Amino acid sequence: MLKQDRKEMANAVLKDLSAYKVCAVCGAIVDRSSETCPDCLAYRFIEDENAVSDKALDLAVKPQTALSHLDLEE
């Protein structure tokens, strides 16, 4: 995933924080309607908008260090 793609994804999340939550196991940002994390299959989430915002900001500036389900689809 390109750095610009990560910034665009982070901006989309920041525009609608209430639509997302953070996986408590791997830290992935997922759609609020997800019952399990698509990356690690965990079912525990942090739904606090401040946590989602913090993760989105990290997504925008930090380099990717792990594979996600999106990387495997390509």
PDB file of N, CA and C in Angstrom:
ATOM      1  N   MET A   1       0.855  -1.174   0.000  1.00  0.00           N
ATOM      2  CA  MET A   1       0.000   0.000   0.000  1.00  0.00           C
ATOM      3  C   MET A   1       0.899   1.234   0.000  1.00  0.00           C
ATOM      4  N   LEU A   2       0.613   2.170  -0.856  1.00  0.00           N
ATOM      5  CA  LEU A   2       1.408   3.376  -0.960  1.00  0.00           C
ATOM      6  C   LEU A   2       1.114   4.335   0.186  1.00  0.00           C
ATOM      7  N   LYS A   3       2.107   5.154   0.516  1.00  0.00           N
ATOM      8  CA  LYS A   3       1.950   6.109   1.607  1.00  0.00           C
ATOM      9  C   LYS A   3       0.762   7.035   1.364  1.00  0.00           C
ATOM     10  N   GLN A   4       0.571   7.479   0.117  1.00  0.00           N
ATOM     11  CA  GLN A   4      -0.554   8.357  -0.214  1.00  0.00           C
ATOM     12  C   GLN A   4      -1.886   7.658   0.031  1.00  0.00           C
ATOM     13  N   ASP A   5      -1.960   6.369  -0.287  1.00  0.00           N
ATOM     14  CA  ASP A   5      -3.181   5.603  -0.031  1.00  0.00           C
ATOM     15  C   ASP A   5      -3.507   5.587   1.456  1.00  0.00           C
ATOM     16  N   ARG A   6      -2.478   5.448   2.275  1.00  0.00           N
ATOM     17  CA  ARG A   6      -2.681   5.428   3.727  1.00  0.00           C
ATOM     18  C   ARG A   6      -3.208   6.779   4.209  1.00  0.00           C
ATOM     19  N   LYS A   7      -2.708   7.865   3.640  1.00  0.00           N
ATOM     20  CA  LYS A   7      -3.191   9.200   4.016  1.00  0.00           C
ATOM     21  C   LYS A   7      -4.649   9.383   3.599  1.00  0.00           C
ATOM     22  N   GLU A   8      -4.985   8.914   2.413  1.00  0.00           N
ATOM     23  CA  GLU A   8      -6.363   9.029   1.948  1.00  0.00           C
ATOM     24  C   GLU A   8      -7.311   8.209   2.822  1.00  0.00           C
ATOM     25  N   MET A   9      -6.886   7.018   3.207  1.00  0.00           N
ATOM     26  CA  MET A   9      -7.707   6.183   4.078  1.00  0.00           C
ATOM     27  C   MET A   9      -7.885   6.851   5.441  1.00  0.00           C
ATOM     28  N   ALA A  10      -6.803   7.416   5.964  1.00  0.00           N
ATOM     29  CA  ALA A  10      -6.870   8.095   7.258  1.00  0.00           C
ATOM     30  C   ALA A  10      -7.823   9.286   7.189  1.00  0.00           C
ATOM     31  N   ASN A  11      -7.770  10.056   6.110  1.00  0.00           N
ATOM     32  CA  ASN A  11      -8.671  11.199   5.957  1.00  0.00           C
ATOM     33  C   ASN A  11     -10.122  10.763   5.904  1.00  0.00           C
ATOM     34  N   ALA A  12     -10.400   9.664   5.222  1.00  0.00           N
ATOM     35  CA  ALA A  12     -11.771   9.146   5.155  1.00  0.00           C
ATOM     36  C   ALA A  12     -12.268   8.767   6.547  1.00  0.00           C
ATOM     37  N   VAL A  13     -11.403   8.153   7.346  1.00  0.00           N
ATOM     38  CA  VAL A  13     -11.779   7.763   8.706  1.00  0.00           C
ATOM     39  C   VAL A  13     -12.021   9.008   9.559  1.00  0.00           C
ATOM     40  N   LEU A  14     -11.127   9.977   9.464  1.00  0.00           N
ATOM     41  CA  LEU A  14     -11.244  11.185  10.280  1.00  0.00           C
ATOM     42  C   LEU A  14     -12.495  11.997   9.947  1.00  0.00           C
ATOM     43  N   LYS A  15     -12.995  11.883   8.734  1.00  0.00           N
ATOM     44  CA  LYS A  15     -14.208  12.608   8.343  1.00  0.00           C
ATOM     45  C   LYS A  15     -15.462  12.012   8.971  1.00  0.00           C
ATOM     46  N   ASP A  16     -15.414  10.742   9.368  1.00  0.00           N
ATOM     47  CA  ASP A  16     -16.591  10.082   9.941  1.00  0.00           C
ATOM     48  C   ASP A  16     -16.156   9.081  11.015  1.00  0.00           C
ATOM     49  N   LEU A  17     -15.658   9.582  12.124  1.00  0.00           N
ATOM     50  CA  LEU A  17     -15.134   8.728  13.193  1.00  0.00           C
ATOM     51  C   LEU A  17     -16.173   7.753  13.737  1.00  0.00           C
ATOM     52  N   SER A  18     -17.421   8.163  13.732  1.00  0.00           N
ATOM     53  CA  SER A  18     -18.464   7.306  14.309  1.00  0.00           C
ATOM     54  C   SER A  18     -18.725   6.056  13.477  1.00  0.00           C
ATOM     55  N   ALA A  19     -18.189   5.982  12.270  1.00  0.00           N
ATOM     56  CA  ALA A  19     -18.420   4.827  11.400  1.00  0.00           C
ATOM     57  C   ALA A  19     -17.362   3.737  11.575  1.00  0.00           C
ATOM     58  N   TYR A  20     -16.385   3.972  12.473  1.00  0.00           N
ATOM     59  CA  TYR A  20     -15.265   3.045  12.603  1.00  0.00           C
ATOM     60  C   TYR A  20     -14.996   2.699  14.059  1.00  0.00           C
ATOM     61  N   LYS A  21     -14.243   1.614  14.233  1.00  0.00           N
ATOM     62  CA  LYS A  21     -13.755   1.199  15.548  1.00  0.00           C
ATOM     63  C   LYS A  21     -12.374   0.587  15.343  1.00  0.00           C
ATOM     64  N   VAL A  22     -11.663   0.356  16.446  1.00  0.00           N
ATOM     65  CA  VAL A  22     -10.292  -0.151  16.389  1.00  0.00           C
ATOM     66  C   VAL A  22     -10.254  -1.552  16.979  1.00  0.00           C
ATOM     67  N   CYS A  23      -9.607  -2.471  16.274  1.00  0.00           N
ATOM     68  CA  CYS A  23      -9.438  -3.830  16.794  1.00  0.00           C
ATOM     69  C   CYS A  23      -8.552  -3.763  18.028  1.00  0.00           C
ATOM     70  N   ALA A  24      -8.991  -4.372  19.112  1.00  0.00           N
ATOM     71  CA  ALA A  24      -8.237  -4.356  20.358  1.00  0.00           C
ATOM     72  C   ALA A  24      -7.045  -5.306  20.323  1.00  0.00           C
ATOM     73  N   VAL A  25      -6.980  -6.182  19.338  1.00  0.00           N
ATOM     74  CA  VAL A  25      -5.886  -7.143  19.254  1.00  0.00           C
ATOM     75  C   VAL A  25      -4.773  -6.638  18.334  1.00  0.00           C
ATOM     76  N   CYS A  26      -5.121  -6.283  17.105  1.00  0.00           N
ATOM     77  CA  CYS A  26      -4.070  -5.889  16.147  1.00  0.00           C
ATOM     78  C   CYS A  26      -4.024  -4.396  15.863  1.00  0.00           C
ATOM     79  N   GLY A  27      -5.024  -3.645  16.295  1.00  0.00           N
ATOM     80  CA  GLY A  27      -5.026  -2.203  16.104  1.00  0.00           C
ATOM     81  C   GLY A  27      -5.561  -1.738  14.765  1.00  0.00           C
ATOM     82  N   ALA A  28      -6.133  -2.634  13.986  1.00  0.00           N
ATOM     83  CA  ALA A  28      -6.682  -2.249  12.687  1.00  0.00           C
ATOM     84  C   ALA A  28      -7.925  -1.382  12.863  1.00  0.00           C
ATOM     85  N   ILE A  29      -8.121  -0.459  11.941  1.00  0.00           N
ATOM     86  CA  ILE A  29      -9.343   0.341  11.913  1.00  0.00           C
ATOM     87  C   ILE A  29     -10.334  -0.412  11.040  1.00  0.00           C
ATOM     88  N   VAL A  30     -11.510  -0.690  11.588  1.00  0.00           N
ATOM     89  CA  VAL A  30     -12.513  -1.463  10.851  1.00  0.00           C
ATOM     90  C   VAL A  30     -13.850  -0.733  10.875  1.00  0.00           C
ATOM     91  N   ASP A  31     -14.708  -1.093   9.945  1.00  0.00           N
ATOM     92  CA  ASP A  31     -16.058  -0.558   9.893  1.00  0.00           C
ATOM     93  C   ASP A  31     -16.798  -0.938  11.172  1.00  0.00           C
ATOM     94  N   ARG A  32     -17.572  -0.021  11.699  1.00  0.00           N
ATOM     95  CA  ARG A  32     -18.269  -0.260  12.967  1.00  0.00           C
ATOM     96  C   ARG A  32     -19.208  -1.462  12.883  1.00  0.00           C
ATOM     97  N   SER A  33     -19.700  -1.794  11.713  1.00  0.00           N
ATOM     98  CA  SER A  33     -20.627  -2.924  11.587  1.00  0.00           C
ATOM     99  C   SER A  33     -19.920  -4.281  11.568  1.00  0.00           C
ATOM    100  N   SER A  34     -18.598  -4.290  11.491  1.00  0.00           N
ATOM    101  CA  SER A  34     -17.850  -5.554  11.465  1.00  0.00           C
ATOM    102  C   SER A  34     -17.980  -6.284  12.793  1.00  0.00           C
ATOM    103  N   GLU A  35     -18.202  -7.567  12.695  1.00  0.00           N
ATOM    104  CA  GLU A  35     -18.288  -8.380  13.910  1.00  0.00           C
ATOM    105  C   GLU A  35     -16.943  -8.980  14.276  1.00  0.00           C
ATOM    106  N   THR A  36     -16.086  -9.189  13.269  1.00  0.00           N
ATOM    107  CA  THR A  36     -14.722  -9.669  13.509  1.00  0.00           C
ATOM    108  C   THR A  36     -13.759  -8.823  12.693  1.00  0.00           C
ATOM    109  N   CYS A  37     -12.528  -8.780  13.146  1.00  0.00           N
ATOM    110  CA  CYS A  37     -11.495  -8.034  12.438  1.00  0.00           C
ATOM    111  C   CYS A  37     -11.105  -8.799  11.176  1.00  0.00           C
ATOM    112  N   PRO A  38     -11.095  -8.153  10.018  1.00  0.00           N
ATOM    113  CA  PRO A  38     -10.715  -8.851   8.795  1.00  0.00           C
ATOM    114  C   PRO A  38      -9.226  -9.215   8.740  1.00  0.00           C
ATOM    115  N   ASP A  39      -8.414  -8.580   9.580  1.00  0.00           N
ATOM    116  CA  ASP A  39      -6.981  -8.861   9.579  1.00  0.00           C
ATOM    117  C   ASP A  39      -6.595 -10.007  10.509  1.00  0.00           C
ATOM    118  N   CYS A  40      -7.162 -10.025  11.720  1.00  0.00           N
ATOM    119  CA  CYS A  40      -6.731 -11.041  12.692  1.00  0.00           C
ATOM    120  C   CYS A  40      -7.872 -11.913  13.216  1.00  0.00           C
ATOM    121  N   LEU A  41      -9.094 -11.619  12.780  1.00  0.00           N
ATOM    122  CA  LEU A  41     -10.298 -12.374  13.157  1.00  0.00           C
ATOM    123  C   LEU A  41     -10.690 -12.225  14.625  1.00  0.00           C
ATOM    124  N   ALA A  42     -10.127 -11.234  15.296  1.00  0.00           N
ATOM    125  CA  ALA A  42     -10.508 -10.962  16.684  1.00  0.00           C
ATOM    126  C   ALA A  42     -11.916 -10.381  16.723  1.00  0.00           C
ATOM    127  N   TYR A  43     -12.535 -10.418  17.900  1.00  0.00           N
ATOM    128  CA  TYR A  43     -13.882  -9.900  18.041  1.00  0.00           C
ATOM    129  C   TYR A  43     -13.998  -8.857  19.152  1.00  0.00           C
ATOM    130  N   ARG A  44     -12.866  -8.349  19.613  1.00  0.00           N
ATOM    131  CA  ARG A  44     -12.868  -7.306  20.637  1.00  0.00           C
ATOM    132  C   ARG A  44     -12.434  -5.992  19.996  1.00  0.00           C
ATOM    133  N   PHE A  45     -13.211  -4.947  20.268  1.00  0.00           N
ATOM    134  CA  PHE A  45     -12.963  -3.664  19.621  1.00  0.00           C
ATOM    135  C   PHE A  45     -13.010  -2.522  20.621  1.00  0.00           C
ATOM    136  N   ILE A  46     -12.321  -1.446  20.265  1.00  0.00           N
ATOM    137  CA  ILE A  46     -12.372  -0.193  21.012  1.00  0.00           C
ATOM    138  C   ILE A  46     -13.206   0.750  20.161  1.00  0.00           C
ATOM    139  N   GLU A  47     -14.345   1.168  20.683  1.00  0.00           N
ATOM    140  CA  GLU A  47     -15.264   1.981  19.893  1.00  0.00           C
ATOM    141  C   GLU A  47     -15.154   3.472  20.203  1.00  0.00           C
ATOM    142  N   ASP A  48     -14.251   3.864  21.069  1.00  0.00           N
ATOM    143  CA  ASP A  48     -14.055   5.259  21.442  1.00  0.00           C
ATOM    144  C   ASP A  48     -13.538   6.062  20.246  1.00  0.00           C
ATOM    145  N   GLU A  49     -14.195   7.163  19.924  1.00  0.00           N
ATOM    146  CA  GLU A  49     -13.804   7.962  18.762  1.00  0.00           C
ATOM    147  C   GLU A  49     -12.407   8.554  18.905  1.00  0.00           C
ATOM    148  N   ASN A  50     -11.962   8.817  20.131  1.00  0.00           N
ATOM    149  CA  ASN A  50     -10.596   9.322  20.333  1.00  0.00           C
ATOM    150  C   ASN A  50      -9.569   8.266  19.936  1.00  0.00           C
ATOM    151  N   ALA A  51      -9.850   7.012  20.245  1.00  0.00           N
ATOM    152  CA  ALA A  51      -8.943   5.920  19.867  1.00  0.00           C
ATOM    153  C   ALA A  51      -8.908   5.765  18.350  1.00  0.00           C
ATOM    154  N   VAL A  52     -10.061   5.883  17.718  1.00  0.00           N
ATOM    155  CA  VAL A  52     -10.136   5.785  16.258  1.00  0.00           C
ATOM    156  C   VAL A  52      -9.342   6.926  15.626  1.00  0.00           C
ATOM    157  N   SER A  53      -9.508   8.122  16.151  1.00  0.00           N
ATOM    158  CA  SER A  53      -8.788   9.288  15.638  1.00  0.00           C
ATOM    159  C   SER A  53      -7.278   9.110  15.783  1.00  0.00           C
ATOM    160  N   ASP A  54      -6.841   8.653  16.954  1.00  0.00           N
ATOM    161  CA  ASP A  54      -5.407   8.430  17.180  1.00  0.00           C
ATOM    162  C   ASP A  54      -4.844   7.413  16.192  1.00  0.00           C
ATOM    163  N   LYS A  55      -5.563   6.330  15.963  1.00  0.00           N
ATOM    164  CA  LYS A  55      -5.107   5.299  15.022  1.00  0.00           C
ATOM    165  C   LYS A  55      -5.077   5.823  13.596  1.00  0.00           C
ATOM    166  N   ALA A  56      -6.062   6.625  13.223  1.00  0.00           N
ATOM    167  CA  ALA A  56      -6.094   7.190  11.873  1.00  0.00           C
ATOM    168  C   ALA A  56      -4.908   8.128  11.662  1.00  0.00           C
ATOM    169  N   LEU A  57      -4.584   8.916  12.662  1.00  0.00           N
ATOM    170  CA  LEU A  57      -3.422   9.814  12.555  1.00  0.00           C
ATOM    171  C   LEU A  57      -2.132   9.007  12.436  1.00  0.00           C
ATOM    172  N   ASP A  58      -2.030   7.913  13.195  1.00  0.00           N
ATOM    173  CA  ASP A  58      -0.866   7.021  13.071  1.00  0.00           C
ATOM    174  C   ASP A  58      -0.788   6.442  11.663  1.00  0.00           C
ATOM    175  N   LEU A  59      -1.931   6.039  11.134  1.00  0.00           N
ATOM    176  CA  LEU A  59      -1.990   5.459   9.795  1.00  0.00           C
ATOM    177  C   LEU A  59      -1.440   6.428   8.752  1.00  0.00           C
ATOM    178  N   ALA A  60      -1.732   7.695   8.934  1.00  0.00           N
ATOM    179  CA  ALA A  60      -1.323   8.703   7.959  1.00  0.00           C
ATOM    180  C   ALA A  60       0.176   8.979   7.976  1.00  0.00           C
ATOM    181  N   VAL A  61       0.821   8.831   9.126  1.00  0.00           N
ATOM    182  CA  VAL A  61       2.222   9.266   9.218  1.00  0.00           C
ATOM    183  C   VAL A  61       3.230   8.143   9.411  1.00  0.00           C
ATOM    184  N   LYS A  62       2.809   7.041   9.967  1.00  0.00           N
ATOM    185  CA  LYS A  62       3.762   5.958  10.217  1.00  0.00           C
ATOM    186  C   LYS A  62       3.829   4.995   9.035  1.00  0.00           C
ATOM    187  N   PRO A  63       4.993   4.425   8.787  1.00  0.00           N
ATOM    188  CA  PRO A  63       5.102   3.462   7.691  1.00  0.00           C
ATOM    189  C   PRO A  63       4.373   2.163   8.020  1.00  0.00           C
ATOM    190  N   GLN A  64       3.898   1.494   6.999  1.00  0.00           N
ATOM    191  CA  GLN A  64       3.224   0.212   7.179  1.00  0.00           C
ATOM    192  C   GLN A  64       4.252  -0.831   7.580  1.00  0.00           C
ATOM    193  N   THR A  65       3.950  -1.595   8.622  1.00  0.00           N
ATOM    194  CA  THR A  65       4.895  -2.606   9.109  1.00  0.00           C
ATOM    195  C   THR A  65       4.338  -4.019   9.070  1.00  0.00           C
ATOM    196  N   ALA A  66       3.085  -4.162   8.662  1.00  0.00           N
ATOM    197  CA  ALA A  66       2.479  -5.495   8.623  1.00  0.00           C
ATOM    198  C   ALA A  66       1.578  -5.611   7.404  1.00  0.00           C
ATOM    199  N   LEU A  67       1.307  -6.831   7.009  1.00  0.00           N
ATOM    200  CA  LEU A  67       0.356  -7.085   5.928  1.00  0.00           C
ATOM    201  C   LEU A  67      -1.058  -6.994   6.471  1.00  0.00           C
ATOM    202  N   SER A  68      -1.962  -6.510   5.655  1.00  0.00           N
ATOM    203  CA  SER A  68      -3.368  -6.510   6.022  1.00  0.00           C
ATOM    204  C   SER A  68      -4.127  -7.340   4.996  1.00  0.00           C
ATOM    205  N   HIS A  69      -5.392  -7.557   5.243  1.00  0.00           N
ATOM    206  CA  HIS A  69      -6.199  -8.317   4.277  1.00  0.00           C
ATOM    207  C   HIS A  69      -6.258  -7.594   2.930  1.00  0.00           C
ATOM    208  N   LEU A  70      -6.123  -6.271   2.926  1.00  0.00           N
ATOM    209  CA  LEU A  70      -6.135  -5.525   1.669  1.00  0.00           C
ATOM    210  C   LEU A  70      -4.903  -5.826   0.820  1.00  0.00           C
ATOM    211  N   ASP A  71      -3.766  -6.033   1.459  1.00  0.00           N
ATOM    212  CA  ASP A  71      -2.545  -6.358   0.736  1.00  0.00           C
ATOM    213  C   ASP A  71      -2.638  -7.718   0.062  1.00  0.00           C
ATOM    214  N   LEU A  72      -3.353  -8.627   0.659  1.00  0.00           N
ATOM    215  CA  LEU A  72      -3.449  -9.986   0.148  1.00  0.00           C
ATOM    216  C   LEU A  72      -4.448 -10.103  -1.001  1.00  0.00           C
ATOM    217  N   GLU A  73      -5.323  -9.108  -1.156  1.00  0.00           N
ATOM    218  CA  GLU A  73      -6.320  -9.157  -2.216  1.00  0.00           C
ATOM    219  C   GLU A  73      -5.743  -8.803  -3.569  1.00  0.00           C
ATOM    220  N   GLU A  74      -4.615  -8.109  -3.600  1.00  0.00           N
ATOM    221  CA  GLU A  74      -4.049  -7.629  -4.864  1.00  0.00           C
ATOM    222  C   GLU A  74      -3.350  -8.699  -5.628  1.00  0.00           C
TER     223      GLU A  74
END
